[in-house]
Amino acid sequence: MRRALAIAVVGIVAGSAAAEASPETDYALQCRGCHGAEGAGVPGHVPPLTGVVELLATPAGRARLLAVPGVRQASLSDERLAALLDWVAVRFAPAGAERTAPALTREEVGRLR
């Protein structure tokens, strides 16, 4: 009985923590290690994230972004990945860049991933 209760409590706490995750936290855990705190990447090895806003502007760019191995294989739900990529597009957009594309949806991520 105690073990079942302990497992239930751990599940609730873990589920609650996952539900509270923000795109910024997901970036820190999923992307920051390679792309860096400022999304600059590593020249010749890891691309900067300044181009994400442009990729989201066209259907082909959206499909390309979601085909990147680190994106496609991210251990995030489709909904959290959509939120993360939209956050990245805004956070690392070049100065003066405008976001004209609609936000990614959970369904779109699931279809293109």
PDB file of N, CA and C in Angstrom:
ATOM      1  N   MET A   1       0.819  -1.195   0.000  1.00  0.00           N
ATOM      2  CA  MET A   1       0.000   0.000   0.000  1.00  0.00           C
ATOM      3  C   MET A   1       0.868   1.266   0.000  1.00  0.00           C
ATOM      4  N   ARG A   2       1.888   1.293   0.855  1.00  0.00           N
ATOM      5  CA  ARG A   2       2.768   2.463   0.902  1.00  0.00           C
ATOM      6  C   ARG A   2       3.483   2.664  -0.423  1.00  0.00           C
ATOM      7  N   ARG A   3       3.931   1.555  -1.008  1.00  0.00           N
ATOM      8  CA  ARG A   3       4.650   1.659  -2.281  1.00  0.00           C
ATOM      9  C   ARG A   3       3.738   2.221  -3.369  1.00  0.00           C
ATOM     10  N   ALA A   4       2.512   1.748  -3.432  1.00  0.00           N
ATOM     11  CA  ALA A   4       1.556   2.245  -4.419  1.00  0.00           C
ATOM     12  C   ALA A   4       1.314   3.738  -4.223  1.00  0.00           C
ATOM     13  N   LEU A   5       1.188   4.162  -2.977  1.00  0.00           N
ATOM     14  CA  LEU A   5       0.985   5.570  -2.681  1.00  0.00           C
ATOM     15  C   LEU A   5       2.206   6.388  -3.091  1.00  0.00           C
ATOM     16  N   ALA A   6       3.390   5.885  -2.799  1.00  0.00           N
ATOM     17  CA  ALA A   6       4.621   6.586  -3.164  1.00  0.00           C
ATOM     18  C   ALA A   6       4.726   6.720  -4.676  1.00  0.00           C
ATOM     19  N   ILE A   7       4.402   5.661  -5.407  1.00  0.00           N
ATOM     20  CA  ILE A   7       4.455   5.712  -6.869  1.00  0.00           C
ATOM     21  C   ILE A   7       3.457   6.729  -7.399  1.00  0.00           C
ATOM     22  N   ALA A   8       2.266   6.757  -6.820  1.00  0.00           N
ATOM     23  CA  ALA A   8       1.245   7.716  -7.241  1.00  0.00           C
ATOM     24  C   ALA A   8       1.704   9.146  -7.001  1.00  0.00           C
ATOM     25  N   VAL A   9       2.294   9.412  -5.838  1.00  0.00           N
ATOM     26  CA  VAL A   9       2.771  10.755  -5.513  1.00  0.00           C
ATOM     27  C   VAL A   9       3.877  11.170  -6.473  1.00  0.00           C
ATOM     28  N   VAL A  10       4.824  10.292  -6.754  1.00  0.00           N
ATOM     29  CA  VAL A  10       5.905  10.602  -7.691  1.00  0.00           C
ATOM     30  C   VAL A  10       5.322  10.915  -9.067  1.00  0.00           C
ATOM     31  N   GLY A  11       4.364  10.146  -9.496  1.00  0.00           N
ATOM     32  CA  GLY A  11       3.732  10.390 -10.793  1.00  0.00           C
ATOM     33  C   GLY A  11       3.045  11.736 -10.860  1.00  0.00           C
ATOM     34  N   ILE A  12       2.358  12.107  -9.805  1.00  0.00           N
ATOM     35  CA  ILE A  12       1.673  13.399  -9.762  1.00  0.00           C
ATOM     36  C   ILE A  12       2.683  14.531  -9.791  1.00  0.00           C
ATOM     37  N   VAL A  13       3.730  14.430  -8.992  1.00  0.00           N
ATOM     38  CA  VAL A  13       4.759  15.476  -8.955  1.00  0.00           C
ATOM     39  C   VAL A  13       5.449  15.588 -10.304  1.00  0.00           C
ATOM     40  N   ALA A  14       5.816  14.472 -10.913  1.00  0.00           N
ATOM     41  CA  ALA A  14       6.486  14.502 -12.217  1.00  0.00           C
ATOM     42  C   ALA A  14       5.570  15.092 -13.275  1.00  0.00           C
ATOM     43  N   GLY A  15       4.307  14.697 -13.276  1.00  0.00           N
ATOM     44  CA  GLY A  15       3.352  15.235 -14.237  1.00  0.00           C
ATOM     45  C   GLY A  15       3.146  16.722 -14.047  1.00  0.00           C
ATOM     46  N   SER A  16       3.098  17.166 -12.811  1.00  0.00           N
ATOM     47  CA  SER A  16       2.932  18.571 -12.501  1.00  0.00           C
ATOM     48  C   SER A  16       4.136  19.378 -12.964  1.00  0.00           C
ATOM     49  N   ALA A  17       5.339  18.858 -12.738  1.00  0.00           N
ATOM     50  CA  ALA A  17       6.552  19.562 -13.174  1.00  0.00           C
ATOM     51  C   ALA A  17       6.593  19.668 -14.688  1.00  0.00           C
ATOM     52  N   ALA A  18       6.216  18.601 -15.385  1.00  0.00           N
ATOM     53  CA  ALA A  18       6.212  18.628 -16.845  1.00  0.00           C
ATOM     54  C   ALA A  18       5.194  19.633 -17.358  1.00  0.00           C
ATOM     55  N   ALA A  19       4.036  19.698 -16.709  1.00  0.00           N
ATOM     56  CA  ALA A  19       2.999  20.623 -17.147  1.00  0.00           C
ATOM     57  C   ALA A  19       3.438  22.073 -16.953  1.00  0.00           C
ATOM     58  N   GLU A  20       4.311  22.331 -15.981  1.00  0.00           N
ATOM     59  CA  GLU A  20       4.758  23.683 -15.697  1.00  0.00           C
ATOM     60  C   GLU A  20       5.978  24.097 -16.513  1.00  0.00           C
ATOM     61  N   ALA A  21       6.541  23.193 -17.287  1.00  0.00           N
ATOM     62  CA  ALA A  21       7.732  23.519 -18.070  1.00  0.00           C
ATOM     63  C   ALA A  21       7.404  24.631 -19.053  1.00  0.00           C
ATOM     64  N   SER A  22       8.325  25.541 -19.211  1.00  0.00           N
ATOM     65  CA  SER A  22       8.152  26.649 -20.141  1.00  0.00           C
ATOM     66  C   SER A  22       9.059  26.433 -21.346  1.00  0.00           C
ATOM     67  N   PRO A  23       8.779  27.115 -22.449  1.00  0.00           N
ATOM     68  CA  PRO A  23       9.683  27.013 -23.595  1.00  0.00           C
ATOM     69  C   PRO A  23      11.123  27.405 -23.235  1.00  0.00           C
ATOM     70  N   GLU A  24      11.267  28.378 -22.351  1.00  0.00           N
ATOM     71  CA  GLU A  24      12.611  28.796 -21.936  1.00  0.00           C
ATOM     72  C   GLU A  24      13.327  27.664 -21.202  1.00  0.00           C
ATOM     73  N   THR A  25      12.607  26.969 -20.340  1.00  0.00           N
ATOM     74  CA  THR A  25      13.184  25.822 -19.632  1.00  0.00           C
ATOM     75  C   THR A  25      13.498  24.701 -20.618  1.00  0.00           C
ATOM     76  N   ASP A  26      12.570  24.430 -21.538  1.00  0.00           N
ATOM     77  CA  ASP A  26      12.813  23.394 -22.541  1.00  0.00           C
ATOM     78  C   ASP A  26      14.028  23.742 -23.395  1.00  0.00           C
ATOM     79  N   TYR A  27      14.208  25.027 -23.721  1.00  0.00           N
ATOM     80  CA  TYR A  27      15.389  25.445 -24.475  1.00  0.00           C
ATOM     81  C   TYR A  27      16.648  25.130 -23.674  1.00  0.00           C
ATOM     82  N   ALA A  28      16.645  25.482 -22.414  1.00  0.00           N
ATOM     83  CA  ALA A  28      17.818  25.243 -21.571  1.00  0.00           C
ATOM     84  C   ALA A  28      18.160  23.763 -21.509  1.00  0.00           C
ATOM     85  N   LEU A  29      17.154  22.920 -21.466  1.00  0.00           N
ATOM     86  CA  LEU A  29      17.387  21.480 -21.327  1.00  0.00           C
ATOM     87  C   LEU A  29      17.625  20.767 -22.650  1.00  0.00           C
ATOM     88  N   GLN A  30      17.049  21.261 -23.726  1.00  0.00           N
ATOM     89  CA  GLN A  30      17.088  20.547 -25.007  1.00  0.00           C
ATOM     90  C   GLN A  30      18.048  21.156 -26.036  1.00  0.00           C
ATOM     91  N   CYS A  31      18.288  22.451 -25.968  1.00  0.00           N
ATOM     92  CA  CYS A  31      18.974  23.139 -27.071  1.00  0.00           C
ATOM     93  C   CYS A  31      20.233  23.908 -26.670  1.00  0.00           C
ATOM     94  N   ARG A  32      20.211  24.459 -25.487  1.00  0.00           N
ATOM     95  CA  ARG A  32      21.272  25.367 -25.040  1.00  0.00           C
ATOM     96  C   ARG A  32      22.664  24.743 -25.076  1.00  0.00           C
ATOM     97  N   GLY A  33      22.763  23.463 -24.807  1.00  0.00           N
ATOM     98  CA  GLY A  33      24.065  22.805 -24.774  1.00  0.00           C
ATOM     99  C   GLY A  33      24.827  22.943 -26.080  1.00  0.00           C
ATOM    100  N   CYS A  34      24.140  22.925 -27.187  1.00  0.00           N
ATOM    101  CA  CYS A  34      24.796  23.048 -28.501  1.00  0.00           C
ATOM    102  C   CYS A  34      24.681  24.463 -29.075  1.00  0.00           C
ATOM    103  N   HIS A  35      23.504  25.075 -28.945  1.00  0.00           N
ATOM    104  CA  HIS A  35      23.275  26.382 -29.568  1.00  0.00           C
ATOM    105  C   HIS A  35      23.697  27.547 -28.690  1.00  0.00           C
ATOM    106  N   GLY A  36      23.951  27.298 -27.407  1.00  0.00           N
ATOM    107  CA  GLY A  36      24.400  28.350 -26.505  1.00  0.00           C
ATOM    108  C   GLY A  36      23.265  29.178 -25.947  1.00  0.00           C
ATOM    109  N   ALA A  37      23.574  29.944 -24.930  1.00  0.00           N
ATOM    110  CA  ALA A  37      22.582  30.763 -24.240  1.00  0.00           C
ATOM    111  C   ALA A  37      21.959  31.809 -25.157  1.00  0.00           C
ATOM    112  N   GLU A  38      22.723  32.292 -26.101  1.00  0.00           N
ATOM    113  CA  GLU A  38      22.230  33.331 -27.013  1.00  0.00           C
ATOM    114  C   GLU A  38      21.873  32.792 -28.392  1.00  0.00           C
ATOM    115  N   GLY A  39      21.835  31.473 -28.549  1.00  0.00           N
ATOM    116  CA  GLY A  39      21.426  30.873 -29.813  1.00  0.00           C
ATOM    117  C   GLY A  39      22.409  31.079 -30.955  1.00  0.00           C
ATOM    118  N   ALA A  40      23.651  31.402 -30.624  1.00  0.00           N
ATOM    119  CA  ALA A  40      24.647  31.712 -31.652  1.00  0.00           C
ATOM    120  C   ALA A  40      25.222  30.473 -32.328  1.00  0.00           C
ATOM    121  N   GLY A  41      25.095  29.308 -31.693  1.00  0.00           N
ATOM    122  CA  GLY A  41      25.656  28.088 -32.269  1.00  0.00           C
ATOM    123  C   GLY A  41      27.167  28.097 -32.222  1.00  0.00           C
ATOM    124  N   VAL A  42      27.762  27.240 -33.051  1.00  0.00           N
ATOM    125  CA  VAL A  42      29.216  27.139 -33.161  1.00  0.00           C
ATOM    126  C   VAL A  42      29.541  27.174 -34.651  1.00  0.00           C
ATOM    127  N   PRO A  43      30.190  28.244 -35.115  1.00  0.00           N
ATOM    128  CA  PRO A  43      30.463  28.363 -36.545  1.00  0.00           C
ATOM    129  C   PRO A  43      31.092  27.096 -37.138  1.00  0.00           C
ATOM    130  N   GLY A  44      30.502  26.640 -38.233  1.00  0.00           N
ATOM    131  CA  GLY A  44      30.996  25.455 -38.907  1.00  0.00           C
ATOM    132  C   GLY A  44      30.503  24.142 -38.328  1.00  0.00           C
ATOM    133  N   HIS A  45      29.816  24.197 -37.185  1.00  0.00           N
ATOM    134  CA  HIS A  45      29.360  22.961 -36.540  1.00  0.00           C
ATOM    135  C   HIS A  45      27.880  22.989 -36.153  1.00  0.00           C
ATOM    136  N   VAL A  46      27.462  24.041 -35.491  1.00  0.00           N
ATOM    137  CA  VAL A  46      26.084  24.158 -35.012  1.00  0.00           C
ATOM    138  C   VAL A  46      25.536  25.487 -35.511  1.00  0.00           C
ATOM    139  N   PRO A  47      24.441  25.463 -36.274  1.00  0.00           N
ATOM    140  CA  PRO A  47      23.929  26.720 -36.846  1.00  0.00           C
ATOM    141  C   PRO A  47      23.335  27.647 -35.788  1.00  0.00           C
ATOM    142  N   PRO A  48      23.409  28.942 -36.060  1.00  0.00           N
ATOM    143  CA  PRO A  48      22.755  29.888 -35.157  1.00  0.00           C
ATOM    144  C   PRO A  48      21.239  29.773 -35.333  1.00  0.00           C
ATOM    145  N   LEU A  49      20.501  30.247 -34.358  1.00  0.00           N
ATOM    146  CA  LEU A  49      19.049  30.138 -34.402  1.00  0.00           C
ATOM    147  C   LEU A  49      18.364  31.381 -34.946  1.00  0.00           C
ATOM    148  N   THR A  50      19.132  32.323 -35.457  1.00  0.00           N
ATOM    149  CA  THR A  50      18.555  33.556 -35.993  1.00  0.00           C
ATOM    150  C   THR A  50      17.680  33.291 -37.217  1.00  0.00           C
ATOM    151  N   GLY A  51      17.881  32.175 -37.905  1.00  0.00           N
ATOM    152  CA  GLY A  51      17.105  31.884 -39.108  1.00  0.00           C
ATOM    153  C   GLY A  51      15.805  31.144 -38.871  1.00  0.00           C
ATOM    154  N   VAL A  52      15.504  30.782 -37.638  1.00  0.00           N
ATOM    155  CA  VAL A  52      14.274  30.022 -37.359  1.00  0.00           C
ATOM    156  C   VAL A  52      13.043  30.827 -37.756  1.00  0.00           C
ATOM    157  N   VAL A  53      13.041  32.120 -37.487  1.00  0.00           N
ATOM    158  CA  VAL A  53      11.891  32.950 -37.838  1.00  0.00           C
ATOM    159  C   VAL A  53      11.630  32.905 -39.343  1.00  0.00           C
ATOM    160  N   GLU A  54      12.682  32.862 -40.149  1.00  0.00           N
ATOM    161  CA  GLU A  54      12.513  32.782 -41.608  1.00  0.00           C
ATOM    162  C   GLU A  54      12.025  31.397 -42.025  1.00  0.00           C
ATOM    163  N   LEU A  55      12.528  30.346 -41.386  1.00  0.00           N
ATOM    164  CA  LEU A  55      12.077  28.995 -41.718  1.00  0.00           C
ATOM    165  C   LEU A  55      10.584  28.826 -41.457  1.00  0.00           C
ATOM    166  N   LEU A  56      10.088  29.448 -40.415  1.00  0.00           N
ATOM    167  CA  LEU A  56       8.676  29.311 -40.087  1.00  0.00           C
ATOM    168  C   LEU A  56       7.767  30.081 -41.040  1.00  0.00           C
ATOM    169  N   ALA A  57       8.350  30.901 -41.903  1.00  0.00           N
ATOM    170  CA  ALA A  57       7.565  31.742 -42.812  1.00  0.00           C
ATOM    171  C   ALA A  57       7.024  30.991 -44.021  1.00  0.00           C
ATOM    172  N   THR A  58       7.556  29.793 -44.320  1.00  0.00           N
ATOM    173  CA  THR A  58       7.082  29.047 -45.493  1.00  0.00           C
ATOM    174  C   THR A  58       6.806  27.595 -45.114  1.00  0.00           C
ATOM    175  N   PRO A  59       5.888  26.951 -45.830  1.00  0.00           N
ATOM    176  CA  PRO A  59       5.628  25.532 -45.548  1.00  0.00           C
ATOM    177  C   PRO A  59       6.883  24.669 -45.703  1.00  0.00           C
ATOM    178  N   ALA A  60       7.691  24.944 -46.715  1.00  0.00           N
ATOM    179  CA  ALA A  60       8.924  24.166 -46.921  1.00  0.00           C
ATOM    180  C   ALA A  60       9.911  24.397 -45.776  1.00  0.00           C
ATOM    181  N   GLY A  61      10.001  25.622 -45.295  1.00  0.00           N
ATOM    182  CA  GLY A  61      10.893  25.928 -44.177  1.00  0.00           C
ATOM    183  C   GLY A  61      10.432  25.267 -42.896  1.00  0.00           C
ATOM    184  N   ARG A  62       9.130  25.238 -42.675  1.00  0.00           N
ATOM    185  CA  ARG A  62       8.583  24.598 -41.486  1.00  0.00           C
ATOM    186  C   ARG A  62       8.888  23.100 -41.515  1.00  0.00           C
ATOM    187  N   ALA A  63       8.699  22.482 -42.682  1.00  0.00           N
ATOM    188  CA  ALA A  63       8.990  21.048 -42.828  1.00  0.00           C
ATOM    189  C   ALA A  63      10.486  20.787 -42.626  1.00  0.00           C
ATOM    190  N   ARG A  64      11.318  21.666 -43.164  1.00  0.00           N
ATOM    191  CA  ARG A  64      12.773  21.506 -43.006  1.00  0.00           C
ATOM    192  C   ARG A  64      13.187  21.603 -41.539  1.00  0.00           C
ATOM    193  N   LEU A  65      12.634  22.590 -40.838  1.00  0.00           N
ATOM    194  CA  LEU A  65      12.958  22.770 -39.423  1.00  0.00           C
ATOM    195  C   LEU A  65      12.571  21.537 -38.613  1.00  0.00           C
ATOM    196  N   LEU A  66      11.406  20.993 -38.889  1.00  0.00           N
ATOM    197  CA  LEU A  66      10.933  19.830 -38.133  1.00  0.00           C
ATOM    198  C   LEU A  66      11.606  18.529 -38.561  1.00  0.00           C
ATOM    199  N   ALA A  67      12.397  18.576 -39.622  1.00  0.00           N
ATOM    200  CA  ALA A  67      13.152  17.396 -40.053  1.00  0.00           C
ATOM    201  C   ALA A  67      14.565  17.371 -39.468  1.00  0.00           C
ATOM    202  N   VAL A  68      14.997  18.467 -38.862  1.00  0.00           N
ATOM    203  CA  VAL A  68      16.323  18.513 -38.239  1.00  0.00           C
ATOM    204  C   VAL A  68      16.355  17.443 -37.146  1.00  0.00           C
ATOM    205  N   PRO A  69      17.369  16.562 -37.146  1.00  0.00           N
ATOM    206  CA  PRO A  69      17.383  15.458 -36.180  1.00  0.00           C
ATOM    207  C   PRO A  69      17.170  15.869 -34.726  1.00  0.00           C
ATOM    208  N   GLY A  70      17.809  16.914 -34.271  1.00  0.00           N
ATOM    209  CA  GLY A  70      17.655  17.340 -32.889  1.00  0.00           C
ATOM    210  C   GLY A  70      16.247  17.829 -32.580  1.00  0.00           C
ATOM    211  N   VAL A  71      15.566  18.334 -33.585  1.00  0.00           N
ATOM    212  CA  VAL A  71      14.181  18.776 -33.419  1.00  0.00           C
ATOM    213  C   VAL A  71      13.251  17.572 -33.501  1.00  0.00           C
ATOM    214  N   ARG A  72      13.406  16.811 -34.558  1.00  0.00           N
ATOM    215  CA  ARG A  72      12.535  15.650 -34.793  1.00  0.00           C
ATOM    216  C   ARG A  72      12.586  14.666 -33.632  1.00  0.00           C
ATOM    217  N   GLN A  73      13.765  14.475 -33.048  1.00  0.00           N
ATOM    218  CA  GLN A  73      13.936  13.466 -32.006  1.00  0.00           C
ATOM    219  C   GLN A  73      13.893  14.036 -30.587  1.00  0.00           C
ATOM    220  N   ALA A  74      13.534  15.302 -30.460  1.00  0.00           N
ATOM    221  CA  ALA A  74      13.462  15.915 -29.124  1.00  0.00           C
ATOM    222  C   ALA A  74      12.471  15.142 -28.250  1.00  0.00           C
ATOM    223  N   SER A  75      12.816  15.012 -26.992  1.00  0.00           N
ATOM    224  CA  SER A  75      11.971  14.266 -26.060  1.00  0.00           C
ATOM    225  C   SER A  75      10.895  15.176 -25.466  1.00  0.00           C
ATOM    226  N   LEU A  76      10.183  15.849 -26.340  1.00  0.00           N
ATOM    227  CA  LEU A  76       9.098  16.750 -25.939  1.00  0.00           C
ATOM    228  C   LEU A  76       7.828  16.333 -26.663  1.00  0.00           C
ATOM    229  N   SER A  77       6.697  16.625 -26.071  1.00  0.00           N
ATOM    230  CA  SER A  77       5.433  16.386 -26.761  1.00  0.00           C
ATOM    231  C   SER A  77       5.361  17.317 -27.974  1.00  0.00           C
ATOM    232  N   ASP A  78       4.477  16.998 -28.887  1.00  0.00           N
ATOM    233  CA  ASP A  78       4.299  17.860 -30.061  1.00  0.00           C
ATOM    234  C   ASP A  78       3.900  19.272 -29.643  1.00  0.00           C
ATOM    235  N   GLU A  79       3.076  19.375 -28.631  1.00  0.00           N
ATOM    236  CA  GLU A  79       2.624  20.684 -28.149  1.00  0.00           C
ATOM    237  C   GLU A  79       3.784  21.491 -27.561  1.00  0.00           C
ATOM    238  N   ARG A  80       4.598  20.857 -26.729  1.00  0.00           N
ATOM    239  CA  ARG A  80       5.737  21.561 -26.132  1.00  0.00           C
ATOM    240  C   ARG A  80       6.787  21.908 -27.174  1.00  0.00           C
ATOM    241  N   LEU A  81       6.990  21.040 -28.168  1.00  0.00           N
ATOM    242  CA  LEU A  81       7.956  21.345 -29.223  1.00  0.00           C
ATOM    243  C   LEU A  81       7.477  22.529 -30.050  1.00  0.00           C
ATOM    244  N   ALA A  82       6.189  22.585 -30.359  1.00  0.00           N
ATOM    245  CA  ALA A  82       5.641  23.726 -31.094  1.00  0.00           C
ATOM    246  C   ALA A  82       5.879  25.023 -30.310  1.00  0.00           C
ATOM    247  N   ALA A  83       5.598  24.999 -29.021  1.00  0.00           N
ATOM    248  CA  ALA A  83       5.798  26.184 -28.183  1.00  0.00           C
ATOM    249  C   ALA A  83       7.273  26.569 -28.120  1.00  0.00           C
ATOM    250  N   LEU A  84       8.143  25.586 -28.012  1.00  0.00           N
ATOM    251  CA  LEU A  84       9.590  25.848 -27.959  1.00  0.00           C
ATOM    252  C   LEU A  84      10.070  26.497 -29.251  1.00  0.00           C
ATOM    253  N   LEU A  85       9.692  25.946 -30.388  1.00  0.00           N
ATOM    254  CA  LEU A  85      10.155  26.498 -31.663  1.00  0.00           C
ATOM    255  C   LEU A  85       9.615  27.904 -31.903  1.00  0.00           C
ATOM    256  N   ASP A  86       8.380  28.158 -31.501  1.00  0.00           N
ATOM    257  CA  ASP A  86       7.839  29.513 -31.627  1.00  0.00           C
ATOM    258  C   ASP A  86       8.591  30.482 -30.709  1.00  0.00           C
ATOM    259  N   TRP A  87       8.918  30.034 -29.511  1.00  0.00           N
ATOM    260  CA  TRP A  87       9.691  30.870 -28.585  1.00  0.00           C
ATOM    261  C   TRP A  87      11.076  31.163 -29.167  1.00  0.00           C
ATOM    262  N   VAL A  88      11.724  30.140 -29.708  1.00  0.00           N
ATOM    263  CA  VAL A  88      13.049  30.306 -30.319  1.00  0.00           C
ATOM    264  C   VAL A  88      12.978  31.314 -31.463  1.00  0.00           C
ATOM    265  N   ALA A  89      11.946  31.214 -32.298  1.00  0.00           N
ATOM    266  CA  ALA A  89      11.812  32.122 -33.439  1.00  0.00           C
ATOM    267  C   ALA A  89      11.754  33.574 -32.992  1.00  0.00           C
ATOM    268  N   VAL A  90      11.037  33.842 -31.931  1.00  0.00           N
ATOM    269  CA  VAL A  90      10.906  35.213 -31.423  1.00  0.00           C
ATOM    270  C   VAL A  90      12.152  35.627 -30.660  1.00  0.00           C
ATOM    271  N   ARG A  91      12.631  34.769 -29.785  1.00  0.00           N
ATOM    272  CA  ARG A  91      13.771  35.093 -28.907  1.00  0.00           C
ATOM    273  C   ARG A  91      15.057  35.366 -29.679  1.00  0.00           C
ATOM    274  N   PHE A  92      15.304  34.598 -30.736  1.00  0.00           N
ATOM    275  CA  PHE A  92      16.575  34.721 -31.454  1.00  0.00           C
ATOM    276  C   PHE A  92      16.444  35.360 -32.828  1.00  0.00           C
ATOM    277  N   ALA A  93      15.312  35.974 -33.102  1.00  0.00           N
ATOM    278  CA  ALA A  93      15.127  36.657 -34.382  1.00  0.00           C
ATOM    279  C   ALA A  93      16.103  37.829 -34.484  1.00  0.00           C
ATOM    280  N   PRO A  94      16.625  38.060 -35.683  1.00  0.00           N
ATOM    281  CA  PRO A  94      17.508  39.221 -35.863  1.00  0.00           C
ATOM    282  C   PRO A  94      16.748  40.519 -35.557  1.00  0.00           C
ATOM    283  N   ALA A  95      17.457  41.529 -35.140  1.00  0.00           N
ATOM    284  CA  ALA A  95      16.839  42.826 -34.855  1.00  0.00           C
ATOM    285  C   ALA A  95      16.056  43.293 -36.081  1.00  0.00           C
ATOM    286  N   GLY A  96      14.847  43.722 -35.852  1.00  0.00           N
ATOM    287  CA  GLY A  96      14.009  44.240 -36.933  1.00  0.00           C
ATOM    288  C   GLY A  96      13.231  43.178 -37.695  1.00  0.00           C
ATOM    289  N   ALA A  97      13.510  41.906 -37.450  1.00  0.00           N
ATOM    290  CA  ALA A  97      12.784  40.843 -38.154  1.00  0.00           C
ATOM    291  C   ALA A  97      11.348  40.796 -37.646  1.00  0.00           C
ATOM    292  N   GLU A  98      10.421  40.577 -38.562  1.00  0.00           N
ATOM    293  CA  GLU A  98       9.018  40.489 -38.180  1.00  0.00           C
ATOM    294  C   GLU A  98       8.534  39.059 -38.276  1.00  0.00           C
ATOM    295  N   ARG A  99       7.734  38.683 -37.339  1.00  0.00           N
ATOM    296  CA  ARG A  99       7.115  37.357 -37.355  1.00  0.00           C
ATOM    297  C   ARG A  99       5.825  37.483 -38.137  1.00  0.00           C
ATOM    298  N   THR A 100       5.783  36.907 -39.332  1.00  0.00           N
ATOM    299  CA  THR A 100       4.585  36.983 -40.150  1.00  0.00           C
ATOM    300  C   THR A 100       3.855  35.651 -40.239  1.00  0.00           C
ATOM    301  N   ALA A 101       4.524  34.583 -39.917  1.00  0.00           N
ATOM    302  CA  ALA A 101       3.939  33.244 -40.018  1.00  0.00           C
ATOM    303  C   ALA A 101       3.089  32.933 -38.795  1.00  0.00           C
ATOM    304  N   PRO A 102       2.067  32.114 -38.984  1.00  0.00           N
ATOM    305  CA  PRO A 102       1.285  31.689 -37.816  1.00  0.00           C
ATOM    306  C   PRO A 102       2.122  30.775 -36.927  1.00  0.00           C
ATOM    307  N   ALA A 103       1.727  30.688 -35.678  1.00  0.00           N
ATOM    308  CA  ALA A 103       2.421  29.805 -34.733  1.00  0.00           C
ATOM    309  C   ALA A 103       2.262  28.356 -35.167  1.00  0.00           C
ATOM    310  N   LEU A 104       3.267  27.556 -34.851  1.00  0.00           N
ATOM    311  CA  LEU A 104       3.170  26.113 -35.091  1.00  0.00           C
ATOM    312  C   LEU A 104       2.073  25.537 -34.201  1.00  0.00           C
ATOM    313  N   THR A 105       1.427  24.505 -34.682  1.00  0.00           N
ATOM    314  CA  THR A 105       0.421  23.826 -33.874  1.00  0.00           C
ATOM    315  C   THR A 105       0.912  22.433 -33.520  1.00  0.00           C
ATOM    316  N   ARG A 106       0.310  21.875 -32.499  1.00  0.00           N
ATOM    317  CA  ARG A 106       0.625  20.508 -32.097  1.00  0.00           C
ATOM    318  C   ARG A 106       0.397  19.544 -33.259  1.00  0.00           C
ATOM    319  N   GLU A 107      -0.685  19.739 -33.994  1.00  0.00           N
ATOM    320  CA  GLU A 107      -1.007  18.869 -35.122  1.00  0.00           C
ATOM    321  C   GLU A 107       0.022  18.974 -36.232  1.00  0.00           C
ATOM    322  N   GLU A 108       0.473  20.175 -36.527  1.00  0.00           N
ATOM    323  CA  GLU A 108       1.481  20.378 -37.568  1.00  0.00           C
ATOM    324  C   GLU A 108       2.802  19.710 -37.184  1.00  0.00           C
ATOM    325  N   VAL A 109       3.201  19.883 -35.944  1.00  0.00           N
ATOM    326  CA  VAL A 109       4.435  19.263 -35.478  1.00  0.00           C
ATOM    327  C   VAL A 109       4.316  17.738 -35.585  1.00  0.00           C
ATOM    328  N   GLY A 110       3.196  17.203 -35.146  1.00  0.00           N
ATOM    329  CA  GLY A 110       2.990  15.756 -35.218  1.00  0.00           C
ATOM    330  C   GLY A 110       3.032  15.224 -36.646  1.00  0.00           C
ATOM    331  N   ARG A 111       2.486  15.981 -37.570  1.00  0.00           N
ATOM    332  CA  ARG A 111       2.457  15.569 -38.973  1.00  0.00           C
ATOM    333  C   ARG A 111       3.840  15.647 -39.632  1.00  0.00           C
ATOM    334  N   LEU A 112       4.606  16.665 -39.297  1.00  0.00           N
ATOM    335  CA  LEU A 112       5.887  16.908 -39.969  1.00  0.00           C
ATOM    336  C   LEU A 112       7.085  16.270 -39.290  1.00  0.00           C
ATOM    337  N   ARG A 113       6.944  15.915 -38.072  1.00  0.00           N
ATOM    338  CA  ARG A 113       8.043  15.365 -37.280  1.00  0.00           C
ATOM    339  C   ARG A 113       8.501  14.034 -37.794  1.00  0.00           C
TER     340      ARG A 113
END
